[in-house]
Amino acid sequence: MTTLRNNLLIAATVGLMALGGCATTGGSLSSSASRLERNANALHDEAQDDDARSGFQRDARELAEEAREFRRTVEDRSSSKEDMREAFSDVSKRYHAMRDEVERSQSREAEQEFRPVTEAYLDVEREMRSRDDDRDRYASDD
């Protein structure tokens, strides 16, 4: 009887650890998505304050909007993995367009203002890739 109880306790502990790992990953993506949104909004504010070209302002605004939509999708419990991938694809396209705009500007100031967006974006990208890798690994285990 003691062995059965110990085995049940071990199984329960392992199950809780697995659930905690899932919650941590989700929280980490949510945190990264929020940081991306904050940094994209700050970039948009800087672009308006600096009287940047209208194209630069527009790209910064669109990136901030896509980052907000991505964060909302991540935090929405009813969102599927496909919903998150689509939202990430949208924010990724905007990020890369904005990065190209910053590179074309050859402005050190623009590069410095864009750096926090890049750092947050790369965190989100890593989280998304990690989720896809986990899914692929579990699919191959079947």
Protein backbone atom coordinates (compact mmCIF):
# COMPACT_ATOMS: atom_id res chain seq x y z
CA MET A 1 0.00 0.00 0.00
CA THR A 2 2.85 2.40 0.81
CA THR A 3 4.43 1.72 -2.59
CA LEU A 4 1.17 2.53 -4.37
CA ARG A 5 0.82 5.77 -2.40
CA ASN A 6 4.44 6.74 -3.19
CA ASN A 7 3.90 6.00 -6.88
CA LEU A 8 0.76 8.14 -6.90
CA LEU A 9 2.60 10.99 -5.17
CA ILE A 10 5.42 10.76 -7.69
CA ALA A 11 2.98 10.72 -10.61
CA ALA A 12 1.10 13.71 -9.18
CA THR A 13 4.35 15.62 -8.66
CA VAL A 14 5.53 14.92 -12.22
CA GLY A 15 2.13 15.98 -13.57
CA LEU A 16 2.23 19.26 -11.65
CA MET A 17 5.76 19.93 -12.85
CA ALA A 18 4.66 19.36 -16.45
CA LEU A 19 1.72 21.72 -16.02
CA GLY A 20 4.00 24.30 -14.44
CA GLY A 21 6.34 24.05 -17.42
CA CYS A 22 3.47 24.73 -19.83
CA ALA A 23 2.28 27.68 -17.80
CA THR A 24 5.78 29.11 -17.65
CA THR A 25 6.19 28.89 -21.43
CA GLY A 26 2.83 30.56 -22.01
CA GLY A 27 3.62 33.26 -19.49
CA SER A 28 6.97 33.84 -21.09
CA LEU A 29 5.42 34.30 -24.53
CA SER A 30 2.80 36.61 -23.06
CA SER A 31 5.48 38.63 -21.30
CA SER A 32 7.58 38.86 -24.47
CA ALA A 33 4.53 39.86 -26.53
CA SER A 34 3.69 42.60 -24.02
CA ARG A 35 7.27 43.88 -24.12
CA LEU A 36 7.20 43.91 -27.93
CA GLU A 37 3.98 45.91 -27.85
CA ARG A 38 5.40 48.42 -25.33
CA ASN A 39 8.61 48.88 -27.31
CA ALA A 40 6.77 49.21 -30.63
CA ASN A 41 4.50 51.86 -29.08
CA ALA A 42 7.54 53.71 -27.73
CA LEU A 43 9.11 53.63 -31.21
CA HIS A 44 5.89 55.01 -32.69
CA ASP A 45 5.85 57.80 -30.10
CA GLU A 46 9.50 58.61 -30.87
CA ALA A 47 8.78 58.71 -34.61
CA GLN A 48 5.99 61.23 -34.03
CA ASP A 49 8.07 63.34 -31.65
CA ASP A 50 11.06 63.38 -34.00
CA ASP A 51 9.01 64.54 -36.99
CA ALA A 52 10.21 61.47 -38.86
CA ARG A 53 9.23 60.92 -42.48
CA SER A 54 5.58 60.01 -42.89
CA GLY A 55 6.51 56.53 -44.21
CA PHE A 56 8.58 55.86 -41.11
CA GLN A 57 5.75 57.07 -38.85
CA ARG A 58 3.24 54.91 -40.72
CA ASP A 59 5.45 51.81 -40.48
CA ALA A 60 6.00 52.41 -36.76
CA ARG A 61 2.25 52.81 -36.21
CA GLU A 62 1.45 49.63 -38.15
CA LEU A 63 4.10 47.67 -36.23
CA ALA A 64 2.63 48.90 -32.93
CA GLU A 65 -0.86 47.85 -34.09
CA GLU A 66 0.30 44.38 -35.16
CA ALA A 67 2.20 43.94 -31.90
CA ARG A 68 -0.97 44.82 -29.97
CA GLU A 69 -3.01 42.32 -32.00
CA PHE A 70 -0.38 39.64 -31.47
CA ARG A 71 -0.37 40.22 -27.70
CA ARG A 72 -4.16 40.04 -27.62
CA THR A 73 -4.10 36.77 -29.55
CA VAL A 74 -1.49 35.28 -27.21
CA GLU A 75 -3.49 36.29 -24.13
CA ASP A 76 -6.82 35.09 -25.53
CA ARG A 77 -7.40 31.63 -24.07
CA SER A 78 -9.62 30.70 -27.01
CA SER A 79 -6.83 31.34 -29.56
CA SER A 80 -5.56 28.28 -31.34
CA LYS A 81 -1.91 27.65 -32.20
CA GLU A 82 -2.81 28.51 -35.79
CA ASP A 83 -4.27 31.86 -34.63
CA MET A 84 -1.00 32.61 -32.84
CA ARG A 85 1.10 31.60 -35.85
CA GLU A 86 -0.98 33.85 -38.13
CA ALA A 87 -0.75 36.78 -35.72
CA PHE A 88 2.99 36.23 -35.39
CA SER A 89 3.33 36.12 -39.17
CA ASP A 90 1.59 39.51 -39.39
CA VAL A 91 3.78 41.10 -36.72
CA SER A 92 6.86 39.50 -38.29
CA LYS A 93 6.12 41.06 -41.69
CA ARG A 94 5.70 44.48 -40.07
CA TYR A 95 8.83 44.07 -37.98
CA HIS A 96 10.96 43.18 -41.01
CA ALA A 97 9.50 46.05 -43.05
CA MET A 98 10.31 48.43 -40.19
CA ARG A 99 13.80 46.96 -39.79
CA ASP A 100 14.44 47.51 -43.50
CA GLU A 101 13.19 51.09 -43.15
CA VAL A 102 15.58 51.70 -40.24
CA GLU A 103 18.50 50.23 -42.20
CA ARG A 104 17.69 52.37 -45.26
CA SER A 105 17.59 55.49 -43.09
CA GLN A 106 21.25 54.95 -42.10
CA SER A 107 20.42 56.86 -38.94
CA ARG A 108 22.22 55.89 -35.75
CA GLU A 109 19.40 57.45 -33.75
CA ALA A 110 16.78 55.35 -35.54
CA GLU A 111 18.89 52.22 -34.97
CA GLN A 112 19.16 52.99 -31.24
CA GLU A 113 15.42 53.63 -30.96
CA PHE A 114 14.69 50.38 -32.83
CA ARG A 115 17.05 48.18 -30.76
CA PRO A 116 14.52 47.50 -27.91
CA VAL A 117 11.94 46.47 -30.51
CA THR A 118 14.44 44.06 -32.06
CA GLU A 119 15.34 42.55 -28.68
CA ALA A 120 11.67 41.98 -27.81
CA TYR A 121 10.90 40.65 -31.28
CA LEU A 122 13.75 38.14 -31.08
CA ASP A 123 12.44 36.94 -27.70
CA VAL A 124 8.98 36.42 -29.22
CA GLU A 125 10.50 34.66 -32.22
CA ARG A 126 12.45 32.31 -29.91
CA GLU A 127 9.30 31.55 -27.90
CA MET A 128 7.30 30.82 -31.05
CA ARG A 129 10.08 28.61 -32.46
CA SER A 130 10.31 26.77 -29.14
CA ARG A 131 6.57 26.07 -29.22
CA ASP A 132 6.82 24.76 -32.79
CA ASP A 133 9.83 22.61 -31.86
CA ASP A 134 7.90 21.13 -28.91
CA ARG A 135 4.94 20.39 -31.16
CA ASP A 136 7.18 18.77 -33.79
CA ARG A 137 8.98 16.72 -31.14
CA TYR A 138 5.73 15.45 -29.65
CA ALA A 139 4.30 14.72 -33.09
CA SER A 140 7.35 12.61 -33.95
CA ASP A 141 6.97 10.67 -30.69
CA ASP A 142 3.56 9.36 -31.82
